[in-house]
Amino acid sequence: MDEFRGIYLTIITTNNIDKLELEQFLVIAERNIEAEGFVIDKQVLLEVLEASYDIERDNRNYYKKLDELLR
C-alpha cells in the first residue's frame, strides 16, 4: 500500500484484468497481501472475492473489495 495524501491507496496491476478467473486472482491477491506485510485468512479472502463475483462479474470488483478489506 502506498501512502497518498493521508490515505492509503492499494495499487495492484495486471495486463489481463478482464480475463482473470477467481482462482487466478486469489493467487495474485495472496501474493500482494503478503508482500505488503498483511496476514489475511485465505478463507476470509475467498469469501469476500466470491461475494463480489456473485454481485457483479467484473474483475475490477475484486480489486475494489480487496482494497476495502485492507483498509
PDB file of N, CA and C in Angstrom:
ATOM      1  N   MET A   1       0.857  -1.171   0.000  1.00  0.00           N
ATOM      2  CA  MET A   1       0.000   0.000   0.000  1.00  0.00           C
ATOM      3  C   MET A   1       0.901   1.231   0.000  1.00  0.00           C
ATOM      4  N   ASP A   2       0.490   2.204  -0.686  1.00  0.00           N
ATOM      5  CA  ASP A   2       1.261   3.432  -0.777  1.00  0.00           C
ATOM      6  C   ASP A   2       0.511   4.554  -0.083  1.00  0.00           C
ATOM      7  N   GLU A   3       1.258   5.334   0.692  1.00  0.00           N
ATOM      8  CA  GLU A   3       0.606   6.467   1.341  1.00  0.00           C
ATOM      9  C   GLU A   3       0.403   7.565   0.295  1.00  0.00           C
ATOM     10  N   PHE A   4      -0.801   8.111   0.263  1.00  0.00           N
ATOM     11  CA  PHE A   4      -1.140   9.101  -0.754  1.00  0.00           C
ATOM     12  C   PHE A   4      -2.065  10.127  -0.127  1.00  0.00           C
ATOM     13  N   ARG A   5      -1.527  11.305   0.130  1.00  0.00           N
ATOM     14  CA  ARG A   5      -2.315  12.407   0.682  1.00  0.00           C
ATOM     15  C   ARG A   5      -3.087  12.013   1.933  1.00  0.00           C
ATOM     16  N   GLY A   6      -2.422  11.318   2.836  1.00  0.00           N
ATOM     17  CA  GLY A   6      -3.057  10.993   4.099  1.00  0.00           C
ATOM     18  C   GLY A   6      -3.998   9.793   4.064  1.00  0.00           C
ATOM     19  N   ILE A   7      -4.159   9.185   2.912  1.00  0.00           N
ATOM     20  CA  ILE A   7      -4.972   7.968   2.812  1.00  0.00           C
ATOM     21  C   ILE A   7      -4.103   6.873   2.233  1.00  0.00           C
ATOM     22  N   TYR A   8      -4.560   5.650   2.329  1.00  0.00           N
ATOM     23  CA  TYR A   8      -3.814   4.551   1.736  1.00  0.00           C
ATOM     24  C   TYR A   8      -4.492   4.137   0.444  1.00  0.00           C
ATOM     25  N   LEU A   9      -3.685   3.924  -0.558  1.00  0.00           N
ATOM     26  CA  LEU A   9      -4.168   3.545  -1.873  1.00  0.00           C
ATOM     27  C   LEU A   9      -3.526   2.208  -2.229  1.00  0.00           C
ATOM     28  N   THR A  10      -4.335   1.224  -2.529  1.00  0.00           N
ATOM     29  CA  THR A  10      -3.821  -0.076  -2.928  1.00  0.00           C
ATOM     30  C   THR A  10      -3.615  -0.080  -4.429  1.00  0.00           C
ATOM     31  N   ILE A  11      -2.417  -0.443  -4.845  1.00  0.00           N
ATOM     32  CA  ILE A  11      -2.118  -0.478  -6.270  1.00  0.00           C
ATOM     33  C   ILE A  11      -1.790  -1.917  -6.645  1.00  0.00           C
ATOM     34  N   ILE A  12      -2.617  -2.499  -7.497  1.00  0.00           N
ATOM     35  CA  ILE A  12      -2.411  -3.850  -7.985  1.00  0.00           C
ATOM     36  C   ILE A  12      -2.545  -3.786  -9.498  1.00  0.00           C
ATOM     37  N   THR A  13      -1.611  -4.392 -10.198  1.00  0.00           N
ATOM     38  CA  THR A  13      -1.664  -4.304 -11.652  1.00  0.00           C
ATOM     39  C   THR A  13      -1.740  -5.683 -12.299  1.00  0.00           C
ATOM     40  N   THR A  14      -2.293  -5.691 -13.486  1.00  0.00           N
ATOM     41  CA  THR A  14      -2.324  -6.887 -14.324  1.00  0.00           C
ATOM     42  C   THR A  14      -2.511  -6.442 -15.765  1.00  0.00           C
ATOM     43  N   ASN A  15      -2.031  -7.243 -16.673  1.00  0.00           N
ATOM     44  CA  ASN A  15      -2.222  -6.950 -18.094  1.00  0.00           C
ATOM     45  C   ASN A  15      -3.512  -7.549 -18.622  1.00  0.00           C
ATOM     46  N   ASN A  16      -4.159  -8.396 -17.826  1.00  0.00           N
ATOM     47  CA  ASN A  16      -5.341  -9.119 -18.291  1.00  0.00           C
ATOM     48  C   ASN A  16      -6.501  -8.944 -17.318  1.00  0.00           C
ATOM     49  N   ILE A  17      -6.822  -7.736 -16.966  1.00  0.00           N
ATOM     50  CA  ILE A  17      -7.817  -7.504 -15.916  1.00  0.00           C
ATOM     51  C   ILE A  17      -9.163  -8.139 -16.224  1.00  0.00           C
ATOM     52  N   ASP A  18      -9.533  -8.210 -17.489  1.00  0.00           N
ATOM     53  CA  ASP A  18     -10.835  -8.773 -17.826  1.00  0.00           C
ATOM     54  C   ASP A  18     -10.799 -10.290 -18.033  1.00  0.00           C
ATOM     55  N   LYS A  19      -9.631 -10.892 -17.949  1.00  0.00           N
ATOM     56  CA  LYS A  19      -9.506 -12.310 -18.234  1.00  0.00           C
ATOM     57  C   LYS A  19      -9.219 -13.159 -17.004  1.00  0.00           C
ATOM     58  N   LEU A  20      -9.059 -12.549 -15.844  1.00  0.00           N
ATOM     59  CA  LEU A  20      -8.737 -13.304 -14.644  1.00  0.00           C
ATOM     60  C   LEU A  20      -9.959 -14.030 -14.096  1.00  0.00           C
ATOM     61  N   GLU A  21      -9.771 -15.263 -13.726  1.00  0.00           N
ATOM     62  CA  GLU A  21     -10.799 -16.024 -13.028  1.00  0.00           C
ATOM     63  C   GLU A  21     -10.536 -15.883 -11.539  1.00  0.00           C
ATOM     64  N   LEU A  22     -11.528 -16.215 -10.743  1.00  0.00           N
ATOM     65  CA  LEU A  22     -11.414 -16.064  -9.293  1.00  0.00           C
ATOM     66  C   LEU A  22     -10.178 -16.771  -8.740  1.00  0.00           C
ATOM     67  N   GLU A  23      -9.925 -17.986  -9.167  1.00  0.00           N
ATOM     68  CA  GLU A  23      -8.794 -18.754  -8.648  1.00  0.00           C
ATOM     69  C   GLU A  23      -7.466 -18.077  -8.982  1.00  0.00           C
ATOM     70  N   GLN A  24      -7.376 -17.520 -10.183  1.00  0.00           N
ATOM     71  CA  GLN A  24      -6.162 -16.808 -10.575  1.00  0.00           C
ATOM     72  C   GLN A  24      -5.991 -15.548  -9.732  1.00  0.00           C
ATOM     73  N   PHE A  25      -7.083 -14.831  -9.546  1.00  0.00           N
ATOM     74  CA  PHE A  25      -6.990 -13.588  -8.790  1.00  0.00           C
ATOM     75  C   PHE A  25      -6.637 -13.871  -7.336  1.00  0.00           C
ATOM     76  N   LEU A  26      -7.145 -14.958  -6.786  1.00  0.00           N
ATOM     77  CA  LEU A  26      -6.854 -15.321  -5.399  1.00  0.00           C
ATOM     78  C   LEU A  26      -5.350 -15.471  -5.186  1.00  0.00           C
ATOM     79  N   VAL A  27      -4.676 -16.114  -6.116  1.00  0.00           N
ATOM     80  CA  VAL A  27      -3.226 -16.293  -6.022  1.00  0.00           C
ATOM     81  C   VAL A  27      -2.516 -14.941  -6.064  1.00  0.00           C
ATOM     82  N   ILE A  28      -2.942 -14.088  -6.980  1.00  0.00           N
ATOM     83  CA  ILE A  28      -2.343 -12.754  -7.101  1.00  0.00           C
ATOM     84  C   ILE A  28      -2.598 -11.945  -5.832  1.00  0.00           C
ATOM     85  N   ALA A  29      -3.827 -11.978  -5.344  1.00  0.00           N
ATOM     86  CA  ALA A  29      -4.192 -11.222  -4.143  1.00  0.00           C
ATOM     87  C   ALA A  29      -3.374 -11.684  -2.942  1.00  0.00           C
ATOM     88  N   GLU A  30      -3.261 -12.993  -2.752  1.00  0.00           N
ATOM     89  CA  GLU A  30      -2.483 -13.522  -1.629  1.00  0.00           C
ATOM     90  C   GLU A  30      -1.025 -13.074  -1.706  1.00  0.00           C
ATOM     91  N   ARG A  31      -0.451 -13.130  -2.880  1.00  0.00           N
ATOM     92  CA  ARG A  31       0.944 -12.730  -3.061  1.00  0.00           C
ATOM     93  C   ARG A  31       1.135 -11.246  -2.733  1.00  0.00           C
ATOM     94  N   ASN A  32       0.221 -10.405  -3.209  1.00  0.00           N
ATOM     95  CA  ASN A  32       0.333  -8.968  -2.954  1.00  0.00           C
ATOM     96  C   ASN A  32       0.073  -8.623  -1.494  1.00  0.00           C
ATOM     97  N   ILE A  33      -0.885  -9.286  -0.895  1.00  0.00           N
ATOM     98  CA  ILE A  33      -1.182  -9.040   0.519  1.00  0.00           C
ATOM     99  C   ILE A  33       0.025  -9.405   1.374  1.00  0.00           C
ATOM    100  N   GLU A  34       0.619 -10.553   1.096  1.00  0.00           N
ATOM    101  CA  GLU A  34       1.797 -11.000   1.844  1.00  0.00           C
ATOM    102  C   GLU A  34       2.971 -10.044   1.636  1.00  0.00           C
ATOM    103  N   ALA A  35       3.170  -9.597   0.399  1.00  0.00           N
ATOM    104  CA  ALA A  35       4.268  -8.682   0.091  1.00  0.00           C
ATOM    105  C   ALA A  35       4.132  -7.359   0.841  1.00  0.00           C
ATOM    106  N   GLU A  36       2.904  -6.973   1.129  1.00  0.00           N
ATOM    107  CA  GLU A  36       2.656  -5.725   1.853  1.00  0.00           C
ATOM    108  C   GLU A  36       2.692  -5.912   3.371  1.00  0.00           C
ATOM    109  N   GLY A  37       2.910  -7.155   3.812  1.00  0.00           N
ATOM    110  CA  GLY A  37       3.037  -7.405   5.239  1.00  0.00           C
ATOM    111  C   GLY A  37       1.734  -7.678   5.962  1.00  0.00           C
ATOM    112  N   PHE A  38       0.659  -7.899   5.219  1.00  0.00           N
ATOM    113  CA  PHE A  38      -0.632  -8.207   5.820  1.00  0.00           C
ATOM    114  C   PHE A  38      -0.806  -9.716   5.947  1.00  0.00           C
ATOM    115  N   VAL A  39      -1.596 -10.106   6.919  1.00  0.00           N
ATOM    116  CA  VAL A  39      -1.957 -11.517   7.072  1.00  0.00           C
ATOM    117  C   VAL A  39      -3.474 -11.586   7.077  1.00  0.00           C
ATOM    118  N   ILE A  40      -4.038 -12.254   6.077  1.00  0.00           N
ATOM    119  CA  ILE A  40      -5.487 -12.404   5.966  1.00  0.00           C
ATOM    120  C   ILE A  40      -5.770 -13.875   5.727  1.00  0.00           C
ATOM    121  N   ASP A  41      -6.688 -14.408   6.488  1.00  0.00           N
ATOM    122  CA  ASP A  41      -7.072 -15.805   6.340  1.00  0.00           C
ATOM    123  C   ASP A  41      -7.543 -16.056   4.911  1.00  0.00           C
ATOM    124  N   LYS A  42      -7.042 -17.129   4.295  1.00  0.00           N
ATOM    125  CA  LYS A  42      -7.377 -17.432   2.898  1.00  0.00           C
ATOM    126  C   LYS A  42      -8.881 -17.614   2.710  1.00  0.00           C
ATOM    127  N   GLN A  43      -9.548 -18.242   3.681  1.00  0.00           N
ATOM    128  CA  GLN A  43     -10.986 -18.472   3.566  1.00  0.00           C
ATOM    129  C   GLN A  43     -11.762 -17.151   3.593  1.00  0.00           C
ATOM    130  N   VAL A  44     -11.342 -16.228   4.440  1.00  0.00           N
ATOM    131  CA  VAL A  44     -11.987 -14.906   4.501  1.00  0.00           C
ATOM    132  C   VAL A  44     -11.802 -14.187   3.170  1.00  0.00           C
ATOM    133  N   LEU A  45     -10.584 -14.212   2.657  1.00  0.00           N
ATOM    134  CA  LEU A  45     -10.309 -13.574   1.365  1.00  0.00           C
ATOM    135  C   LEU A  45     -11.164 -14.189   0.260  1.00  0.00           C
ATOM    136  N   LEU A  46     -11.232 -15.502   0.229  1.00  0.00           N
ATOM    137  CA  LEU A  46     -12.027 -16.190  -0.780  1.00  0.00           C
ATOM    138  C   LEU A  46     -13.506 -15.822  -0.674  1.00  0.00           C
ATOM    139  N   GLU A  47     -14.032 -15.761   0.539  1.00  0.00           N
ATOM    140  CA  GLU A  47     -15.446 -15.411   0.733  1.00  0.00           C
ATOM    141  C   GLU A  47     -15.739 -13.992   0.255  1.00  0.00           C
ATOM    142  N   VAL A  48     -14.838 -13.065   0.537  1.00  0.00           N
ATOM    143  CA  VAL A  48     -15.027 -11.680   0.092  1.00  0.00           C
ATOM    144  C   VAL A  48     -15.021 -11.610  -1.432  1.00  0.00           C
ATOM    145  N   LEU A  49     -14.078 -12.294  -2.048  1.00  0.00           N
ATOM    146  CA  LEU A  49     -13.989 -12.260  -3.506  1.00  0.00           C
ATOM    147  C   LEU A  49     -15.158 -12.979  -4.165  1.00  0.00           C
ATOM    148  N   GLU A  50     -15.591 -14.097  -3.590  1.00  0.00           N
ATOM    149  CA  GLU A  50     -16.753 -14.805  -4.144  1.00  0.00           C
ATOM    150  C   GLU A  50     -18.009 -13.956  -4.053  1.00  0.00           C
ATOM    151  N   ALA A  51     -18.200 -13.279  -2.922  1.00  0.00           N
ATOM    152  CA  ALA A  51     -19.371 -12.415  -2.760  1.00  0.00           C
ATOM    153  C   ALA A  51     -19.345 -11.291  -3.794  1.00  0.00           C
ATOM    154  N   SER A  52     -18.182 -10.751  -4.039  1.00  0.00           N
ATOM    155  CA  SER A  52     -18.034  -9.702  -5.035  1.00  0.00           C
ATOM    156  C   SER A  52     -18.396 -10.225  -6.415  1.00  0.00           C
ATOM    157  N   TYR A  53     -17.921 -11.421  -6.739  1.00  0.00           N
ATOM    158  CA  TYR A  53     -18.164 -12.014  -8.054  1.00  0.00           C
ATOM    159  C   TYR A  53     -19.634 -12.366  -8.242  1.00  0.00           C
ATOM    160  N   ASP A  54     -20.306 -12.770  -7.148  1.00  0.00           N
ATOM    161  CA  ASP A  54     -21.735 -13.087  -7.231  1.00  0.00           C
ATOM    162  C   ASP A  54     -22.562 -11.845  -7.533  1.00  0.00           C
ATOM    163  N   ILE A  55     -22.136 -10.698  -7.030  1.00  0.00           N
ATOM    164  CA  ILE A  55     -22.867  -9.445  -7.230  1.00  0.00           C
ATOM    165  C   ILE A  55     -22.651  -8.927  -8.648  1.00  0.00           C
ATOM    166  N   GLU A  56     -21.402  -8.881  -9.077  1.00  0.00           N
ATOM    167  CA  GLU A  56     -21.081  -8.342 -10.397  1.00  0.00           C
ATOM    168  C   GLU A  56     -19.846  -9.058 -10.923  1.00  0.00           C
ATOM    169  N   ARG A  57     -19.975  -9.709 -12.037  1.00  0.00           N
ATOM    170  CA  ARG A  57     -18.860 -10.479 -12.600  1.00  0.00           C
ATOM    171  C   ARG A  57     -17.906  -9.561 -13.355  1.00  0.00           C
ATOM    172  N   ASP A  58     -17.218  -8.753 -12.580  1.00  0.00           N
ATOM    173  CA  ASP A  58     -16.269  -7.785 -13.113  1.00  0.00           C
ATOM    174  C   ASP A  58     -15.011  -7.882 -12.259  1.00  0.00           C
ATOM    175  N   ASN A  59     -13.891  -8.178 -12.890  1.00  0.00           N
ATOM    176  CA  ASN A  59     -12.657  -8.326 -12.137  1.00  0.00           C
ATOM    177  C   ASN A  59     -12.243  -7.061 -11.412  1.00  0.00           C
ATOM    178  N   ARG A  60     -12.658  -5.918 -11.903  1.00  0.00           N
ATOM    179  CA  ARG A  60     -12.352  -4.676 -11.190  1.00  0.00           C
ATOM    180  C   ARG A  60     -13.009  -4.674  -9.811  1.00  0.00           C
ATOM    181  N   ASN A  61     -14.109  -5.368  -9.697  1.00  0.00           N
ATOM    182  CA  ASN A  61     -14.780  -5.506  -8.409  1.00  0.00           C
ATOM    183  C   ASN A  61     -13.876  -6.218  -7.399  1.00  0.00           C
ATOM    184  N   TYR A  62     -13.109  -7.219  -7.878  1.00  0.00           N
ATOM    185  CA  TYR A  62     -12.162  -7.903  -6.990  1.00  0.00           C
ATOM    186  C   TYR A  62     -11.210  -6.896  -6.361  1.00  0.00           C
ATOM    187  N   TYR A  63     -10.685  -6.017  -7.194  1.00  0.00           N
ATOM    188  CA  TYR A  63      -9.724  -5.032  -6.700  1.00  0.00           C
ATOM    189  C   TYR A  63     -10.361  -4.079  -5.695  1.00  0.00           C
ATOM    190  N   LYS A  64     -11.580  -3.674  -5.962  1.00  0.00           N
ATOM    191  CA  LYS A  64     -12.285  -2.788  -5.033  1.00  0.00           C
ATOM    192  C   LYS A  64     -12.487  -3.479  -3.689  1.00  0.00           C
ATOM    193  N   LYS A  65     -12.927  -4.732  -3.723  1.00  0.00           N
ATOM    194  CA  LYS A  65     -13.169  -5.470  -2.475  1.00  0.00           C
ATOM    195  C   LYS A  65     -11.866  -5.727  -1.732  1.00  0.00           C
ATOM    196  N   LEU A  66     -10.798  -6.013  -2.455  1.00  0.00           N
ATOM    197  CA  LEU A  66      -9.505  -6.222  -1.823  1.00  0.00           C
ATOM    198  C   LEU A  66      -9.044  -4.944  -1.142  1.00  0.00           C
ATOM    199  N   ASP A  67      -9.227  -3.830  -1.805  1.00  0.00           N
ATOM    200  CA  ASP A  67      -8.857  -2.531  -1.233  1.00  0.00           C
ATOM    201  C   ASP A  67      -9.661  -2.278   0.045  1.00  0.00           C
ATOM    202  N   GLU A  68     -10.968  -2.553   0.015  1.00  0.00           N
ATOM    203  CA  GLU A  68     -11.810  -2.358   1.200  1.00  0.00           C
ATOM    204  C   GLU A  68     -11.378  -3.277   2.343  1.00  0.00           C
ATOM    205  N   LEU A  69     -11.014  -4.487   2.019  1.00  0.00           N
ATOM    206  CA  LEU A  69     -10.607  -5.460   3.016  1.00  0.00           C
ATOM    207  C   LEU A  69      -9.325  -5.022   3.735  1.00  0.00           C
ATOM    208  N   LEU A  70      -8.433  -4.381   3.020  1.00  0.00           N
ATOM    209  CA  LEU A  70      -7.139  -3.964   3.604  1.00  0.00           C
ATOM    210  C   LEU A  70      -7.208  -2.656   4.363  1.00  0.00           C
ATOM    211  N   ARG A  71      -8.289  -1.956   4.271  1.00  0.00           N
ATOM    212  CA  ARG A  71      -8.380  -0.667   4.985  1.00  0.00           C
ATOM    213  C   ARG A  71      -8.717  -0.856   6.420  1.00  0.00           C
TER     214      ARG A  71
END
